[in-house]
Amino acid sequence: MQLQSERGVAMKLHQHIFIIVVLVILTILLYDKGFGAVPFLLAALYLGFISMKELKHFKKSKRM
């Protein structure tokens, strides 16, 4: 059963790394064209979503 949870964590970590790499590449490609704020906005939204998700998980774990 732990093997499945470890796979889930690894896949989740893999997805996060992929998203961050894509945002960095977009920043590099779009910065010279004057659209550098777009990837930073997407990164802020992504990190805000992740923060809210972790905060909800933290609140649930504190209740138990």
N, C-alpha and C. Protein backbone atom coordinates (compact mmCIF):
# COMPACT_ATOMS: atom_id res chain seq x y z
N MET A 1 0.83 -1.18 0.00
CA MET A 1 0.00 0.00 0.00
C MET A 1 0.87 1.25 0.00
N GLN A 2 2.01 1.21 0.67
CA GLN A 2 2.90 2.37 0.67
C GLN A 2 3.49 2.61 -0.71
N LEU A 3 3.65 1.55 -1.47
CA LEU A 3 4.20 1.70 -2.81
C LEU A 3 3.30 2.56 -3.67
N GLN A 4 1.99 2.39 -3.56
CA GLN A 4 1.06 3.21 -4.34
C GLN A 4 1.15 4.67 -3.92
N SER A 5 1.24 4.92 -2.62
CA SER A 5 1.31 6.31 -2.18
C SER A 5 2.63 6.95 -2.61
N GLU A 6 3.71 6.18 -2.62
CA GLU A 6 4.99 6.72 -3.09
C GLU A 6 4.93 7.02 -4.57
N ARG A 7 4.26 6.19 -5.33
CA ARG A 7 4.10 6.47 -6.76
C ARG A 7 3.31 7.74 -6.97
N GLY A 8 2.25 7.92 -6.19
CA GLY A 8 1.44 9.13 -6.31
C GLY A 8 2.24 10.38 -6.01
N VAL A 9 3.07 10.31 -5.00
CA VAL A 9 3.90 11.46 -4.64
C VAL A 9 4.92 11.73 -5.73
N ALA A 10 5.53 10.67 -6.27
CA ALA A 10 6.52 10.85 -7.33
C ALA A 10 5.88 11.46 -8.57
N MET A 11 4.70 11.00 -8.91
CA MET A 11 4.02 11.55 -10.08
C MET A 11 3.65 13.01 -9.83
N LYS A 12 3.20 13.29 -8.64
CA LYS A 12 2.83 14.66 -8.31
C LYS A 12 4.06 15.56 -8.39
N LEU A 13 5.17 15.11 -7.83
CA LEU A 13 6.41 15.88 -7.89
C LEU A 13 6.86 16.05 -9.34
N HIS A 14 6.72 15.02 -10.14
CA HIS A 14 7.08 15.08 -11.55
C HIS A 14 6.24 16.14 -12.27
N GLN A 15 4.96 16.19 -11.98
CA GLN A 15 4.08 17.18 -12.61
C GLN A 15 4.47 18.60 -12.19
N HIS A 16 4.78 18.78 -10.92
CA HIS A 16 5.17 20.11 -10.45
C HIS A 16 6.46 20.57 -11.12
N ILE A 17 7.41 19.69 -11.22
CA ILE A 17 8.68 20.03 -11.87
C ILE A 17 8.45 20.38 -13.33
N PHE A 18 7.61 19.61 -14.02
CA PHE A 18 7.31 19.87 -15.43
C PHE A 18 6.67 21.25 -15.60
N ILE A 19 5.71 21.59 -14.75
CA ILE A 19 5.04 22.88 -14.85
C ILE A 19 6.02 24.02 -14.61
N ILE A 20 6.88 23.88 -13.62
CA ILE A 20 7.86 24.93 -13.33
C ILE A 20 8.85 25.10 -14.47
N VAL A 21 9.30 24.00 -15.07
CA VAL A 21 10.22 24.07 -16.21
C VAL A 21 9.55 24.77 -17.38
N VAL A 22 8.30 24.45 -17.65
CA VAL A 22 7.57 25.10 -18.75
C VAL A 22 7.45 26.60 -18.50
N LEU A 23 7.16 26.98 -17.26
CA LEU A 23 7.05 28.41 -16.94
C LEU A 23 8.39 29.13 -17.10
N VAL A 24 9.48 28.49 -16.72
CA VAL A 24 10.80 29.10 -16.90
C VAL A 24 11.12 29.26 -18.38
N ILE A 25 10.82 28.24 -19.18
CA ILE A 25 11.06 28.32 -20.63
C ILE A 25 10.21 29.42 -21.26
N LEU A 26 8.95 29.51 -20.86
CA LEU A 26 8.08 30.58 -21.37
C LEU A 26 8.62 31.95 -20.99
N THR A 27 9.13 32.08 -19.79
CA THR A 27 9.70 33.35 -19.36
C THR A 27 10.88 33.74 -20.23
N ILE A 28 11.75 32.78 -20.49
CA ILE A 28 12.93 33.06 -21.33
C ILE A 28 12.52 33.44 -22.74
N LEU A 29 11.57 32.71 -23.31
CA LEU A 29 11.17 32.96 -24.70
C LEU A 29 10.37 34.25 -24.86
N LEU A 30 9.52 34.57 -23.89
CA LEU A 30 8.63 35.72 -24.05
C LEU A 30 9.18 37.02 -23.47
N TYR A 31 10.25 36.96 -22.70
CA TYR A 31 10.75 38.15 -22.03
C TYR A 31 11.24 39.20 -23.03
N ASP A 32 11.97 38.78 -24.05
CA ASP A 32 12.49 39.72 -25.04
C ASP A 32 11.40 40.34 -25.90
N LYS A 33 10.27 39.66 -26.02
CA LYS A 33 9.17 40.16 -26.84
C LYS A 33 8.24 41.09 -26.07
N GLY A 34 8.53 41.30 -24.80
CA GLY A 34 7.71 42.20 -24.01
C GLY A 34 6.56 41.53 -23.30
N PHE A 35 6.51 40.21 -23.34
CA PHE A 35 5.43 39.48 -22.69
C PHE A 35 5.94 38.67 -21.49
N GLY A 36 6.98 39.14 -20.86
CA GLY A 36 7.58 38.43 -19.74
C GLY A 36 6.67 38.34 -18.53
N ALA A 37 5.69 39.25 -18.43
CA ALA A 37 4.79 39.23 -17.28
C ALA A 37 3.81 38.07 -17.33
N VAL A 38 3.52 37.56 -18.51
CA VAL A 38 2.54 36.48 -18.65
C VAL A 38 2.99 35.22 -17.91
N PRO A 39 4.20 34.70 -18.13
CA PRO A 39 4.60 33.51 -17.36
C PRO A 39 4.70 33.78 -15.86
N PHE A 40 5.09 34.99 -15.47
CA PHE A 40 5.14 35.31 -14.04
C PHE A 40 3.73 35.32 -13.44
N LEU A 41 2.76 35.80 -14.20
CA LEU A 41 1.38 35.77 -13.74
C LEU A 41 0.89 34.33 -13.60
N LEU A 42 1.20 33.50 -14.58
CA LEU A 42 0.82 32.08 -14.51
C LEU A 42 1.51 31.39 -13.33
N ALA A 43 2.76 31.73 -13.09
CA ALA A 43 3.49 31.14 -11.95
C ALA A 43 2.85 31.58 -10.63
N ALA A 44 2.45 32.84 -10.54
CA ALA A 44 1.81 33.33 -9.32
C ALA A 44 0.48 32.61 -9.08
N LEU A 45 -0.29 32.42 -10.13
CA LEU A 45 -1.56 31.69 -10.00
C LEU A 45 -1.32 30.24 -9.59
N TYR A 46 -0.33 29.61 -10.20
CA TYR A 46 0.00 28.21 -9.89
C TYR A 46 0.44 28.07 -8.44
N LEU A 47 1.35 28.94 -8.00
CA LEU A 47 1.84 28.87 -6.63
C LEU A 47 0.74 29.23 -5.62
N GLY A 48 -0.14 30.15 -5.98
CA GLY A 48 -1.27 30.47 -5.11
C GLY A 48 -2.21 29.29 -4.96
N PHE A 49 -2.47 28.59 -6.05
CA PHE A 49 -3.32 27.40 -6.01
C PHE A 49 -2.70 26.32 -5.13
N ILE A 50 -1.41 26.08 -5.31
CA ILE A 50 -0.71 25.07 -4.51
C ILE A 50 -0.72 25.46 -3.03
N SER A 51 -0.53 26.74 -2.75
CA SER A 51 -0.52 27.21 -1.36
C SER A 51 -1.88 27.00 -0.70
N MET A 52 -2.95 27.33 -1.41
CA MET A 52 -4.29 27.14 -0.86
C MET A 52 -4.59 25.66 -0.62
N LYS A 53 -4.16 24.82 -1.54
CA LYS A 53 -4.36 23.38 -1.40
C LYS A 53 -3.61 22.84 -0.18
N GLU A 54 -2.37 23.27 0.01
CA GLU A 54 -1.59 22.82 1.16
C GLU A 54 -2.15 23.38 2.46
N LEU A 55 -2.66 24.61 2.45
CA LEU A 55 -3.25 25.20 3.65
C LEU A 55 -4.48 24.41 4.08
N LYS A 56 -5.32 24.01 3.13
CA LYS A 56 -6.49 23.19 3.46
C LYS A 56 -6.06 21.86 4.05
N HIS A 57 -5.04 21.25 3.47
CA HIS A 57 -4.53 19.97 3.98
C HIS A 57 -3.97 20.15 5.38
N PHE A 58 -3.28 21.24 5.63
CA PHE A 58 -2.72 21.52 6.95
C PHE A 58 -3.80 21.70 8.00
N LYS A 59 -4.88 22.42 7.63
CA LYS A 59 -5.97 22.63 8.57
C LYS A 59 -6.65 21.32 8.92
N LYS A 60 -6.83 20.44 7.92
CA LYS A 60 -7.45 19.14 8.19
C LYS A 60 -6.57 18.31 9.12
N SER A 61 -5.28 18.34 8.94
CA SER A 61 -4.39 17.52 9.76
C SER A 61 -4.32 18.06 11.20
N LYS A 62 -4.52 19.34 11.41
CA LYS A 62 -4.48 19.91 12.75
C LYS A 62 -5.73 19.53 13.56
N ARG A 63 -6.85 19.24 12.88
CA ARG A 63 -8.08 18.88 13.57
C ARG A 63 -7.99 17.49 14.18
N MET A 64 -7.26 16.60 13.54
CA MET A 64 -7.22 15.22 14.02
C MET A 64 -6.26 15.02 15.10
